[in-house]
Protein backbone atom coordinates (compact mmCIF):
# COMPACT_ATOMS: atom_id res chain seq x y z
CA MET A 1 30.49 84.87 -6.65
CA ASN A 2 32.31 82.18 -8.62
CA TRP A 3 32.47 78.39 -8.27
CA HIS A 4 35.52 78.69 -6.03
CA ASP A 5 33.32 80.35 -3.44
CA VAL A 6 31.26 77.15 -3.40
CA ALA A 7 33.97 74.47 -3.65
CA VAL A 8 37.70 74.34 -4.06
CA THR A 9 39.41 71.20 -5.34
CA SER A 10 43.10 70.74 -4.73
CA ARG A 11 45.38 70.25 -7.72
CA ASN A 12 46.89 67.31 -5.86
CA GLU A 13 43.63 65.37 -6.20
CA GLN A 14 44.05 65.25 -9.95
CA ASN A 15 46.23 62.51 -11.44
CA ASP A 16 48.52 63.31 -14.29
CA PRO A 17 46.46 62.49 -17.43
CA LEU A 18 49.56 61.69 -19.41
CA HIS A 19 50.35 58.79 -17.06
CA SER A 20 46.85 57.64 -16.19
CA GLN A 21 46.39 53.95 -16.97
CA PRO A 22 43.50 51.61 -16.18
CA ALA A 23 44.02 48.85 -13.61
CA ALA A 24 44.40 45.21 -14.69
CA PRO A 25 40.64 44.47 -14.86
CA GLY A 26 40.26 47.72 -16.76
CA LEU A 27 42.88 46.62 -19.28
CA ALA A 28 40.81 43.55 -20.13
CA ALA A 29 37.72 45.73 -20.50
CA VAL A 30 39.58 48.14 -22.77
CA ALA A 31 40.78 45.23 -24.89
CA LEU A 32 37.19 44.03 -25.26
CA LEU A 33 35.94 47.50 -26.13
CA GLU A 34 38.69 47.97 -28.72
CA GLU A 35 37.78 44.63 -30.29
CA VAL A 36 34.11 45.61 -30.39
CA ARG A 37 35.05 48.92 -31.95
CA ALA A 38 37.17 47.24 -34.65
CA ASP A 39 34.43 44.77 -35.56
CA LEU A 40 31.78 47.47 -35.70
CA ALA A 41 34.01 49.59 -37.93
CA ALA A 42 34.42 46.59 -40.25
CA ALA A 43 30.66 46.20 -40.72
CA ALA A 44 29.18 48.05 -43.71
CA LEU A 45 25.49 47.03 -44.09
CA PRO A 46 25.52 48.05 -47.78
CA LEU A 47 22.31 46.41 -49.05
CA ALA A 48 19.10 48.43 -49.32
CA LEU A 49 17.00 46.54 -46.80
CA PRO A 50 13.98 48.24 -45.18
CA ASP A 51 15.78 49.05 -41.91
CA ALA A 52 19.30 49.36 -43.30
CA GLU A 53 19.51 53.16 -43.18
CA GLN A 54 18.59 53.27 -39.51
CA ALA A 55 21.00 50.41 -38.79
CA ARG A 56 23.81 52.32 -40.52
CA ARG A 57 23.10 55.36 -38.35
CA GLU A 58 23.13 53.16 -35.26
CA LEU A 59 26.41 51.63 -36.41
CA GLY A 60 28.03 55.02 -36.92
CA GLN A 61 26.76 56.28 -33.58
CA ALA A 62 28.02 53.18 -31.78
CA VAL A 63 31.53 53.59 -33.21
CA ALA A 64 31.49 57.33 -32.46
CA GLN A 65 30.39 56.79 -28.86
CA LEU A 66 33.14 54.25 -28.31
CA ASP A 67 35.67 56.76 -29.67
CA ASP A 68 34.20 59.87 -28.05
CA TYR A 69 33.26 58.58 -24.62
CA ILE A 70 33.42 54.90 -23.68
CA LEU A 71 37.06 54.14 -24.49
CA PRO A 72 38.42 57.50 -23.24
CA ARG A 73 36.46 57.22 -20.01
CA TYR A 74 37.47 53.60 -19.39
CA ARG A 75 41.11 54.49 -19.97
CA SER A 76 40.93 57.43 -17.56
CA LEU A 77 38.23 57.03 -14.94
CA ASP A 78 39.79 59.81 -12.89
CA ALA A 79 39.54 62.42 -15.66
CA PRO A 80 37.33 65.47 -14.99
CA LEU A 81 33.63 65.00 -15.56
CA LEU A 82 32.30 66.44 -18.79
CA ALA A 83 28.99 68.24 -18.33
CA VAL A 84 27.36 69.00 -21.68
CA VAL A 85 24.85 71.84 -21.79
CA GLY A 86 22.26 71.07 -24.46
CA GLY A 87 18.75 72.01 -25.37
CA SER A 88 16.37 73.52 -27.87
CA THR A 89 16.92 76.52 -30.11
CA GLY A 90 16.72 79.77 -28.14
CA ALA A 91 16.45 78.04 -24.77
CA GLY A 92 19.25 80.19 -23.33
CA LYS A 93 22.10 77.68 -23.14
CA SER A 94 24.86 80.16 -23.90
CA THR A 95 23.44 82.72 -21.49
CA LEU A 96 23.30 80.03 -18.81
CA VAL A 97 26.93 79.05 -19.38
CA ASN A 98 27.99 82.69 -19.15
CA GLY A 99 26.06 82.89 -15.89
CA LEU A 100 27.78 79.82 -14.50
CA VAL A 101 31.28 81.31 -14.92
CA GLY A 102 30.18 84.83 -14.05
CA HIS A 103 31.28 86.59 -17.24
CA PRO A 104 30.69 86.37 -21.00
CA VAL A 105 32.54 83.50 -22.69
CA THR A 106 30.04 82.18 -25.23
CA ARG A 107 28.01 83.81 -27.95
CA SER A 108 24.37 84.66 -27.28
CA GLY A 109 21.90 86.59 -29.38
CA ALA A 110 18.76 86.55 -31.50
CA ILE A 111 20.31 85.10 -34.66
CA ARG A 112 19.93 81.30 -34.84
CA PRO A 113 21.83 79.13 -34.55
CA THR A 114 23.85 81.06 -31.97
CA THR A 115 26.32 78.33 -30.96
CA ARG A 116 28.17 77.64 -34.19
CA GLN A 117 31.03 75.83 -32.48
CA PRO A 118 31.09 73.82 -29.28
CA ILE A 119 32.99 75.56 -26.50
CA LEU A 120 34.55 73.54 -23.70
CA LEU A 121 35.33 75.41 -20.47
CA HIS A 122 37.81 73.83 -18.06
CA HIS A 123 40.02 74.76 -15.15
CA PRO A 124 43.50 75.89 -16.32
CA SER A 125 45.19 73.09 -14.39
CA GLU A 126 43.24 70.45 -16.36
CA ALA A 127 44.06 71.58 -19.89
CA ALA A 128 46.01 68.39 -20.64
CA TRP A 129 42.87 66.29 -20.27
CA PHE A 130 41.25 68.05 -23.25
CA GLU A 131 44.00 69.45 -25.48
CA GLY A 132 44.82 66.03 -26.89
CA GLN A 133 42.40 63.69 -28.64
CA ARG A 134 41.37 61.82 -25.49
CA VAL A 135 37.69 62.72 -25.91
CA LEU A 136 35.89 63.66 -29.13
CA PRO A 137 38.92 62.74 -31.26
CA SER A 138 37.14 63.61 -34.51
CA LEU A 139 37.07 67.31 -33.55
CA SER A 140 40.14 69.47 -33.99
CA ARG A 141 41.17 71.75 -31.11
CA ILE A 142 41.19 75.54 -31.09
CA ARG A 143 42.53 77.32 -28.04
CA GLY A 144 40.17 80.14 -27.08
CA TYR A 145 40.70 82.89 -24.53
CA VAL A 146 38.67 85.18 -22.30
CA THR A 147 38.81 88.92 -22.89
CA ASN A 148 38.01 91.71 -20.46
CA SER A 149 34.68 90.83 -18.93
CA GLN A 150 33.38 94.31 -19.66
CA VAL A 151 33.24 93.56 -23.39
CA PRO A 152 29.63 92.72 -24.36
CA ALA A 153 29.26 89.06 -25.35
CA SER A 154 27.22 90.02 -28.39
CA ARG A 155 30.41 91.40 -29.95
CA ALA A 156 31.85 87.88 -29.81
CA GLY A 157 35.41 89.00 -29.34
CA ALA A 158 36.28 86.32 -26.80
CA ILE A 159 36.16 83.19 -28.96
CA PRO A 160 37.70 82.63 -32.41
CA ASP A 161 35.17 81.71 -35.06
CA PRO A 162 36.91 79.95 -37.98
CA GLY A 163 33.54 78.56 -39.04
CA ALA A 164 34.49 74.91 -39.12
CA MET A 165 31.93 72.66 -37.41
CA SER A 166 34.64 70.05 -36.84
CA SER A 167 36.41 72.16 -34.22
CA LEU A 168 36.19 72.20 -30.44
CA VAL A 169 37.06 75.52 -28.83
CA LEU A 170 38.91 75.07 -25.53
CA VAL A 171 38.72 77.86 -22.99
CA ALA A 172 40.68 77.70 -19.73
CA ASP A 173 38.91 79.66 -17.04
CA SER A 174 39.74 79.71 -13.34
CA ALA A 175 36.05 80.25 -12.61
CA VAL A 176 35.49 76.61 -13.56
CA PRO A 177 36.29 74.32 -10.62
CA ALA A 178 38.82 71.54 -11.10
CA GLY A 179 37.16 68.17 -11.53
CA ILE A 180 34.43 69.21 -13.95
CA ALA A 181 34.35 70.75 -17.45
CA VAL A 182 31.38 72.40 -19.12
CA LEU A 183 30.68 72.10 -22.85
CA ASP A 184 28.25 74.46 -24.56
CA ALA A 185 26.68 72.38 -27.38
CA PRO A 186 24.71 73.43 -30.48
CA ASP A 187 20.91 73.25 -30.53
CA VAL A 188 19.46 69.74 -30.61
CA ASP A 189 16.71 70.98 -32.97
CA SER A 190 18.85 73.37 -34.98
CA ILE A 191 17.91 74.32 -38.53
CA SER A 192 21.42 73.16 -39.42
CA ASP A 193 21.84 69.42 -40.02
CA ASP A 194 25.48 69.67 -38.96
CA ASN A 195 24.50 71.39 -35.71
CA ARG A 196 21.96 68.69 -34.86
CA LYS A 197 24.39 65.87 -35.57
CA LEU A 198 27.13 67.55 -33.57
CA ALA A 199 24.80 68.18 -30.64
CA ALA A 200 23.86 64.50 -30.55
CA GLN A 201 27.54 63.52 -30.74
CA LEU A 202 28.46 65.81 -27.84
CA LEU A 203 25.60 64.66 -25.67
CA ALA A 204 26.64 61.05 -26.28
CA ALA A 205 30.12 61.94 -24.96
CA ALA A 206 28.82 63.49 -21.72
CA ASP A 207 29.23 62.21 -18.19
CA LEU A 208 26.22 64.29 -17.21
CA TRP A 209 23.73 66.47 -19.03
CA ILE A 210 22.54 69.94 -18.23
CA PHE A 211 19.43 70.11 -20.36
CA VAL A 212 18.00 73.58 -20.92
CA THR A 213 14.41 74.17 -21.97
CA THR A 214 11.83 76.90 -21.52
CA ALA A 215 8.43 77.21 -19.92
CA ASN A 216 6.70 77.08 -23.29
CA ARG A 217 8.86 74.35 -24.92
CA TYR A 218 9.57 71.80 -22.21
CA ALA A 219 7.27 69.18 -23.79
CA ASP A 220 8.78 69.36 -27.32
CA ALA A 221 9.38 66.00 -28.97
CA VAL A 222 13.05 66.40 -29.97
CA PRO A 223 14.39 67.21 -26.49
CA TRP A 224 12.37 64.40 -24.98
CA LYS A 225 13.76 61.91 -27.43
CA LEU A 226 17.23 62.79 -26.19
CA LEU A 227 16.14 62.73 -22.57
CA LEU A 228 14.80 59.21 -23.05
CA ASN A 229 18.15 58.28 -24.51
CA ALA A 230 19.71 59.63 -21.32
CA ALA A 231 17.39 57.46 -19.26
CA SER A 232 18.51 54.39 -21.24
CA ARG A 233 22.15 55.24 -20.42
CA ASP A 234 21.40 55.88 -16.73
CA ILE A 235 23.17 59.20 -17.11
CA MET A 236 22.86 61.92 -14.49
CA VAL A 237 20.65 64.69 -15.82
CA ALA A 238 20.01 68.20 -14.63
CA VAL A 239 17.03 69.88 -16.30
CA VAL A 240 17.05 73.67 -16.34
CA LEU A 241 13.64 75.25 -16.89
CA ASP A 242 14.47 78.72 -18.17
CA ARG A 243 12.47 81.96 -18.43
CA VAL A 244 9.65 80.84 -16.18
CA PRO A 245 7.07 83.55 -15.38
CA PRO A 246 6.71 83.76 -11.58
CA GLU A 247 2.97 83.18 -11.74
CA ALA A 248 3.44 79.94 -13.76
CA GLU A 249 6.41 78.49 -11.87
CA ALA A 250 4.48 76.12 -9.62
CA GLU A 251 2.22 74.76 -12.35
CA VAL A 252 4.91 74.37 -15.02
CA SER A 253 7.54 72.87 -12.71
CA GLU A 254 5.02 70.36 -11.33
CA ASP A 255 3.99 69.29 -14.85
CA LEU A 256 7.64 68.91 -15.94
CA ARG A 257 8.45 66.92 -12.82
CA ASN A 258 5.55 64.57 -13.58
CA LEU A 259 6.83 64.09 -17.13
CA LEU A 260 10.32 63.29 -15.86
CA ASP A 261 8.97 60.79 -13.33
CA ARG A 262 6.81 59.10 -15.94
CA GLU A 263 9.68 58.70 -18.40
CA GLY A 264 12.14 57.13 -15.97
CA LEU A 265 13.98 60.34 -15.05
CA ALA A 266 12.75 60.73 -11.49
CA ALA A 267 16.33 61.20 -10.27
CA ALA A 268 16.91 64.18 -12.55
CA GLN A 269 17.76 67.45 -10.82
CA LEU A 270 15.35 70.26 -11.73
CA PHE A 271 16.44 73.90 -11.62
CA ILE A 272 14.09 76.82 -12.25
CA ILE A 273 15.40 80.09 -13.69
CA PRO A 274 12.72 82.81 -13.56
CA GLU A 275 12.22 85.44 -16.18
CA ALA A 276 14.77 88.19 -15.61
CA MET A 277 16.26 91.21 -17.34
CA LEU A 278 19.79 90.72 -18.67
CA ASP A 279 22.45 93.30 -17.83
CA PRO A 280 24.34 95.23 -20.56
CA LEU A 281 26.78 92.32 -20.92
CA GLY A 282 23.90 89.91 -21.53
CA MET A 283 24.33 88.32 -18.10
CA LEU A 284 21.64 86.83 -15.89
CA PRO A 285 21.38 87.99 -12.28
CA ALA A 286 23.85 85.87 -10.31
CA SER A 287 21.15 84.71 -7.89
CA THR A 288 19.18 82.97 -10.64
CA VAL A 289 21.96 80.51 -11.49
CA LEU A 290 23.33 80.12 -7.95
CA PRO A 291 21.50 76.81 -7.21
CA LEU A 292 22.91 75.19 -10.38
CA ARG A 293 26.41 76.60 -9.73
CA SER A 294 26.32 75.29 -6.19
CA TRP A 295 25.23 71.83 -7.29
CA LEU A 296 28.00 71.60 -9.89
CA GLY A 297 30.53 72.94 -7.40
CA GLU A 298 29.60 70.25 -4.90
CA LEU A 299 30.01 67.58 -7.56
CA ALA A 300 33.43 68.96 -8.45
CA ALA A 301 34.54 68.95 -4.81
CA ASP A 302 33.55 65.34 -4.20
CA ALA A 303 36.16 63.08 -5.82
CA ALA A 304 34.37 59.90 -4.77
CA GLY A 305 31.06 61.27 -5.99
CA ARG A 306 32.59 62.20 -9.35
CA SER A 307 33.97 58.70 -9.68
CA ASP A 308 30.56 57.22 -8.94
CA ILE A 309 28.94 59.44 -11.57
CA ALA A 310 31.55 58.49 -14.15
CA ARG A 311 31.15 54.77 -13.46
CA ARG A 312 27.37 54.96 -13.40
CA THR A 313 27.21 56.75 -16.73
CA LEU A 314 29.89 54.51 -18.22
CA ASN A 315 28.16 51.31 -17.16
CA GLY A 316 24.79 52.56 -18.38
CA THR A 317 26.32 53.54 -21.70
CA ILE A 318 27.97 50.14 -22.10
CA ARG A 319 24.69 48.42 -21.23
CA ALA A 320 22.92 50.50 -23.88
CA LEU A 321 25.74 49.71 -26.32
CA ALA A 322 25.22 45.99 -25.70
CA GLY A 323 21.62 46.31 -26.86
CA ARG A 324 22.67 48.33 -29.86
CA VAL A 325 25.35 45.79 -30.84
CA ALA A 326 22.83 42.94 -30.52
CA ALA A 327 20.50 44.81 -32.89
CA LEU A 328 23.40 45.41 -35.28
CA ALA A 329 24.21 41.69 -35.20
CA GLN A 330 20.68 41.02 -36.41
CA ALA A 331 20.99 43.73 -39.05
CA LEU A 332 24.22 42.12 -40.28
CA ARG A 333 22.51 38.73 -40.29
CA ASP A 334 19.69 40.19 -42.40
CA GLN A 335 22.25 41.67 -44.80
CA GLN A 336 24.04 38.37 -45.24
CA ARG A 337 20.78 36.49 -45.69
CA ALA A 338 19.69 38.96 -48.36
CA ALA A 339 23.05 38.63 -50.14
CA ASP A 340 22.80 34.84 -49.93
CA ASN A 341 19.31 34.93 -51.45
CA LEU A 342 20.46 37.11 -54.34
CA GLU A 343 23.48 34.90 -54.95
CA ALA A 344 21.30 31.78 -54.82
CA ALA A 345 18.90 33.29 -57.37
CA ALA A 346 21.75 33.85 -59.84
CA VAL A 347 23.39 30.49 -59.17
CA THR A 348 20.08 28.64 -59.57
CA SER A 349 19.15 30.39 -62.81
CA TYR A 350 22.49 29.67 -64.46
CA ARG A 351 22.67 26.14 -63.05
CA ASP A 352 19.25 25.41 -64.51
CA ALA A 353 20.40 26.84 -67.82
CA ALA A 354 23.42 24.52 -67.78
CA GLY A 355 21.09 21.61 -67.06
CA ARG A 356 18.90 22.49 -70.02
CA ILE A 357 21.92 22.68 -72.30
CA LEU A 358 23.02 19.26 -71.09
CA ASP A 359 19.56 17.86 -71.70
CA SER A 360 19.60 19.21 -75.25
CA THR A 361 22.83 17.28 -75.88
CA LYS A 362 21.24 14.03 -74.70
CA ASP A 363 17.83 13.89 -76.34
CA GLY A 364 18.73 14.33 -79.99
CA ALA A 365 17.32 17.84 -80.19
CA LEU A 366 20.53 19.12 -81.75
CA LEU A 367 20.27 16.57 -84.60
CA ARG A 368 17.32 18.29 -86.17
CA GLY A 369 17.48 20.89 -88.91
CA GLU A 370 20.86 21.88 -90.30
CA VAL A 371 22.92 19.32 -88.33
CA LEU A 372 20.75 16.42 -89.54
CA ALA A 373 20.87 17.66 -93.12
CA ARG A 374 24.68 18.00 -93.12
CA TRP A 375 25.11 14.55 -91.54
CA GLN A 376 22.82 12.95 -94.09
CA ASP A 377 24.72 14.71 -96.86
CA PHE A 378 27.85 13.26 -95.38
CA VAL A 379 26.86 9.60 -94.99
CA GLY A 380 24.09 9.35 -97.57
CA THR A 381 20.93 7.27 -97.18
CA GLY A 382 19.35 4.17 -98.62
CA GLU A 383 22.14 2.21 -100.24
CA PHE A 384 24.57 3.39 -97.57
CA PHE A 385 22.52 1.86 -94.76
CA ARG A 386 22.01 -1.38 -96.68
CA THR A 387 25.75 -1.62 -97.22
CA LEU A 388 26.31 -1.01 -93.53
CA GLU A 389 23.92 -3.80 -92.55
CA GLN A 390 25.42 -6.25 -95.03
CA ASN A 391 29.08 -5.85 -94.37
CA VAL A 392 30.76 -3.56 -91.90
CA GLY A 393 34.14 -4.30 -93.44
CA ARG A 394 33.12 -3.19 -96.89
CA PHE A 395 31.42 -0.19 -95.28
CA ARG A 396 34.72 0.72 -93.64
CA ASP A 397 36.58 0.60 -96.93
CA ARG A 398 33.92 2.62 -98.69
CA MET A 399 33.71 5.23 -95.90
CA GLY A 400 37.50 5.46 -95.67
CA ALA A 401 37.78 6.36 -99.32
CA PHE A 402 34.89 8.80 -98.96
CA PHE A 403 36.48 10.52 -95.93
CA ARG A 404 39.90 10.75 -97.47
CA GLY A 405 38.64 12.02 -100.77
CA GLU A 406 36.02 14.49 -99.55
CA PRO A 407 36.87 16.01 -96.17
CA ALA A 408 34.64 19.02 -96.69
CA PRO A 409 31.35 17.26 -95.80
CA ALA A 410 32.74 16.24 -92.38
CA VAL A 411 33.83 19.81 -91.73
CA ARG A 412 30.34 21.01 -92.68
CA VAL A 413 28.92 18.65 -90.03
CA GLU A 414 31.26 20.17 -87.44
CA VAL A 415 30.26 23.70 -88.44
CA ALA A 416 26.56 22.83 -88.28
CA ILE A 417 27.04 21.30 -84.83
CA GLU A 418 28.96 24.38 -83.70
CA THR A 419 26.24 26.69 -84.97
CA GLY A 420 23.40 24.69 -83.45
CA LEU A 421 25.12 24.21 -80.10
CA GLN A 422 26.11 27.87 -79.99
CA ALA A 423 22.49 28.89 -80.51
CA VAL A 424 21.37 26.67 -77.63
CA ILE A 425 24.06 28.01 -75.27
CA VAL A 426 23.42 31.66 -76.12
CA ASP A 427 19.66 31.21 -75.80
CA GLU A 428 19.93 29.53 -72.40
CA ALA A 429 22.43 32.12 -71.15
CA ALA A 430 19.99 34.86 -72.15
CA ASN A 431 17.16 33.02 -70.39
CA ALA A 432 19.25 32.73 -67.22
CA ALA A 433 20.16 36.43 -67.36
CA GLU A 434 16.53 37.45 -67.83
CA ASP A 435 15.39 35.20 -64.99
CA THR A 436 18.09 36.49 -62.62
CA ASP A 437 17.41 40.11 -63.56
CA GLN A 438 13.70 39.68 -62.85
CA ARG A 439 14.29 37.91 -59.55
CA TRP A 440 16.76 40.54 -58.37
CA ARG A 441 14.40 43.37 -59.30
CA THR A 442 11.66 41.92 -57.10
CA ASP A 443 14.02 42.43 -54.13
CA PRO A 444 14.82 45.96 -52.83
CA ALA A 445 18.47 45.05 -52.34
CA GLY A 446 18.69 43.55 -55.83
CA ARG A 447 17.07 46.63 -57.39
CA GLN A 448 19.62 48.83 -55.69
CA LEU A 449 22.53 46.72 -56.93
CA LEU A 450 21.25 46.63 -60.52
CA GLY A 451 20.25 50.28 -60.66
CA SER A 452 19.08 51.33 -64.10
CA GLU A 453 21.36 48.92 -65.96
CA ASP A 454 19.65 46.12 -67.89
CA LEU A 455 21.43 42.80 -67.40
CA SER A 456 18.67 40.64 -68.86
CA GLY A 457 20.70 39.64 -71.95
CA THR A 458 24.10 38.12 -72.57
CA THR A 459 27.23 40.19 -72.16
CA PRO A 460 28.97 41.63 -75.24
CA GLY A 461 31.11 39.04 -76.97
CA PHE A 462 29.40 36.05 -75.34
CA GLU A 463 28.40 34.52 -78.69
CA GLU A 464 32.02 34.62 -79.85
CA ARG A 465 33.24 33.11 -76.57
CA ALA A 466 30.66 30.34 -76.83
CA ALA A 467 31.71 29.56 -80.42
CA ALA A 468 35.38 29.50 -79.41
CA GLU A 469 34.63 27.13 -76.53
CA ILE A 470 32.71 24.78 -78.83
CA ARG A 471 35.59 24.71 -81.29
CA ALA A 472 37.95 23.97 -78.40
CA TRP A 473 35.64 21.13 -77.38
CA GLN A 474 35.68 19.75 -80.91
CA GLU A 475 39.48 19.88 -80.97
CA ALA A 476 39.59 18.08 -77.61
CA LEU A 477 37.23 15.47 -79.03
CA MET A 478 39.62 14.91 -81.97
CA ASP A 479 42.49 14.50 -79.49
CA LEU A 480 40.36 11.95 -77.64
CA ILE A 481 40.00 9.93 -80.83
CA ARG A 482 43.73 10.10 -81.49
CA THR A 483 44.50 8.99 -77.93
CA GLU A 484 42.03 6.12 -78.09
CA GLY A 485 43.45 4.96 -81.43
CA GLN A 486 47.09 4.84 -80.42
CA GLY A 487 47.28 1.03 -80.66
CA LYS A 488 48.75 -0.19 -83.94
CA ARG A 489 45.73 -2.19 -84.90
CA THR A 490 43.26 0.49 -83.96
CA GLN A 491 45.40 3.19 -85.49
CA ALA A 492 45.27 1.49 -88.85
CA ARG A 493 41.52 1.40 -88.67
CA TRP A 494 40.92 5.03 -87.72
CA LEU A 495 43.53 6.26 -90.16
CA SER A 496 41.63 4.46 -92.90
CA PHE A 497 38.47 6.37 -92.00
CA GLY A 498 40.01 9.82 -91.36
CA ILE A 499 40.00 11.92 -88.17
CA ASN A 500 37.36 14.38 -89.33
CA GLY A 501 34.88 11.72 -90.23
CA LEU A 502 35.32 9.85 -86.96
CA GLY A 503 35.07 13.14 -85.06
CA ALA A 504 31.82 13.99 -86.78
CA ALA A 505 30.50 10.52 -86.01
CA LEU A 506 31.42 10.82 -82.32
CA MET A 507 29.70 14.20 -82.07
CA ILE A 508 26.56 12.68 -83.53
CA VAL A 509 26.71 9.84 -81.01
CA VAL A 510 27.21 12.33 -78.14
CA PHE A 511 24.11 14.26 -79.20
CA SER A 512 21.87 11.30 -79.88
CA MET A 513 22.56 8.79 -77.14
CA THR A 514 22.17 8.79 -73.36
CA ALA A 515 24.89 7.04 -71.41
CA GLY A 516 23.49 4.89 -68.62
CA LEU A 517 24.23 1.71 -66.78
CA THR A 518 22.82 -0.35 -69.66
CA GLY A 519 25.17 1.17 -72.21
CA LEU A 520 24.45 3.35 -75.20
CA GLU A 521 20.80 3.57 -76.19
CA VAL A 522 19.38 4.91 -79.40
CA GLY A 523 17.91 8.42 -79.01
CA VAL A 524 15.34 10.31 -80.98
CA ALA A 525 17.51 10.61 -84.05
CA GLY A 526 17.09 6.93 -84.67
CA GLY A 527 18.90 5.53 -87.66
CA THR A 528 20.85 8.73 -88.17
CA ALA A 529 22.97 7.98 -85.14
CA VAL A 530 23.19 4.24 -85.81
CA VAL A 531 25.56 4.91 -88.67
CA GLY A 532 28.01 6.85 -86.51
CA GLN A 533 27.71 4.38 -83.65
CA ARG A 534 28.35 1.33 -85.83
CA LEU A 535 31.24 3.02 -87.54
CA LEU A 536 32.92 3.94 -84.25
CA GLU A 537 32.32 0.50 -82.80
CA ALA A 538 33.90 -1.08 -85.88
CA VAL A 539 37.04 0.99 -85.29
CA PHE A 540 37.32 1.18 -81.49
CA GLY A 541 34.92 -1.36 -80.02
CA GLU A 542 31.70 -0.81 -78.05
CA ASP A 543 33.30 -0.12 -74.65
CA ALA A 544 35.70 2.42 -76.06
CA VAL A 545 32.90 4.22 -77.87
CA ARG A 546 30.93 4.40 -74.62
CA ARG A 547 33.93 5.84 -72.77
CA MET A 548 34.65 8.40 -75.45
CA ALA A 549 31.02 9.52 -75.64
CA GLU A 550 30.78 9.91 -71.87
CA LYS A 551 34.07 11.77 -71.65
CA ALA A 552 33.17 14.06 -74.55
CA ARG A 553 29.79 14.84 -73.00
CA GLU A 554 31.34 15.56 -69.59
CA ASP A 555 33.91 17.83 -71.21
CA LEU A 556 31.18 19.70 -73.08
CA HIS A 557 29.11 20.06 -69.93
CA ALA A 558 32.11 21.41 -67.99
CA ARG A 559 32.85 23.95 -70.71
CA CYS A 560 29.23 25.10 -70.81
CA GLN A 561 29.21 25.45 -67.03
CA ARG A 562 32.35 27.60 -67.15
CA LEU A 563 30.81 29.79 -69.83
CA LEU A 564 27.67 30.31 -67.74
CA GLN A 565 29.60 30.81 -64.51
CA ASP A 566 31.59 33.56 -66.21
CA GLU A 567 28.30 35.09 -67.42
CA ARG A 568 26.66 35.07 -63.99
CA GLN A 569 29.60 37.05 -62.60
CA LYS A 570 27.98 40.18 -63.98
CA PHE A 571 25.44 39.67 -61.20
CA LEU A 572 27.60 38.17 -58.47
CA SER A 573 30.29 40.83 -58.86
CA ARG A 574 27.72 43.39 -57.73
CA LEU A 575 27.23 41.70 -54.40
CA PRO A 576 29.19 43.41 -51.60
CA ALA A 577 32.16 41.69 -50.06
CA ARG A 578 31.44 39.83 -46.86
CA ASP A 579 31.88 41.95 -43.74
CA GLU A 580 34.91 40.98 -41.70
CA ALA A 581 32.70 40.89 -38.62
CA SER A 582 30.16 38.08 -38.55
CA PRO A 583 26.72 38.28 -36.92
CA GLY A 584 27.85 35.66 -34.46
CA THR A 585 30.86 37.76 -33.47
CA LEU A 586 28.71 40.84 -32.85
CA ALA A 587 26.16 38.79 -30.91
CA ALA A 588 28.98 37.45 -28.72
CA HIS A 589 30.23 41.01 -28.21
CA ALA A 590 26.76 42.08 -27.10
CA GLY A 591 26.78 39.39 -24.42
CA SER A 592 30.27 40.34 -23.27
CA LEU A 593 29.32 44.03 -23.04
CA ALA A 594 26.23 43.23 -20.99
CA ARG A 595 28.32 41.15 -18.58
CA LEU A 596 30.91 43.94 -18.36
CA ALA A 597 28.24 46.47 -17.43
CA ASP A 598 26.63 44.16 -14.88
CA SER A 599 29.94 43.27 -13.23
CA ALA A 600 30.96 46.85 -12.56
């Protein structure tokens, strides 16, 4: 007996799959699903957060299910149902499939795993539904064939075996009724990782499941995890309890039925296949699989019933997808928050370093040591200060001659300032790097991004870049003096003192005074800075000196900030690019999917 003895479906009931298009409401749903798919594909979740690995698996499974089942089914609701036969290792799936069509078509035997490639059986008139990439587009197609049914299945001559797990073997068999296709999947608990992943992928693409287990394995954890997933999708499930000893049938079937009821699968069909001897072709007695064949044949014959099953499974799958997308929105939100925290740690460390450098240029700290010694060598002490107090004019004449005749001391002041300022900048950059490195390493995501590389010091060449920036600042300061002294009267004054000397004086003022609303105030360097201040005021006037000092300090601060911003890039460049999909977008998609499922 074959399925055609149970039900015959007319070819005229089947629409042409090449011209099948969803109705107008379906077009809007497809557009939504395609948008969800694109946004999910754009999400990466790259940071090593505690739940990130699971979220990435969920993300990949969501995209795969949209590709493998949801979008194809929404685009062609009238396509044949896909019944996936799955179960535990050695449960007898392949033997059951052979029994359903009445002759050997799949591999069965003692060596595990037996099903190395998924085999999809369909009616010859429905080949077009499966030969393209409508369902399971990631799997290539191999056209299989059925040999003489007298050839033992254990010889495996019927199906090509190229060995690639990414292939789907298509077998057209008139014993399969039009309206339903049967897919023999790998073991859900296979010793092969690829087999397990493929089995999960195929089950996620099913319109209904035929789940095969045995009398001694029906309570195993792995199958039940997948059955609970079926319950969450509201998918139609048929559970086949295989190899049941006659004396244990009542007890075992009652216990399994109680488990199904308790786990939300009360509507699942339960079929019992008793222990039986296989014939020389490895076939079960026809009577043992007749109830399951009859049930599937009735489903195939009922076009309205098939449509209801497809819509029920589709809506349940979309509802489950809505929950998954909502969880992924939270995972993406956690990723962005973690990235923001790492970025803030780096920005704060380097901003604080820039602030400390600025403070050091305000409080006179840079006028100690070598800078102070070179400045005092330059202007002298004692008599020089008395001359300054007595007569600024005579001081100007004396200093002018000194500057013009001995430029080297002014240059030595500039070099000492460059060296001292460079040391401060490099030290603070190193402090910022160490602080950022420590803060990142206390965070799992930061540790992953840093790896084994030590970023707690400055980058190669930073000292040279800092020195070059300081020299550029000093040159800009000289240009500032030239610009301020463009007037004829002022020009005569500053030319009499010399550009290098005035530049050195302005640097000293910048590093010893704080510019506030009350004007320039003497800093910690005391009388050392008074000389430079009085000299500059004699040439340019008090207001001009204040402006130049403020502008020079702002320019120095901006240059230091740029140096440190460039340095912190060694951290920030490790942060992943922002996902194109935002958490808000995914959350909105979750709501739209839930409404789509509820409205169907």
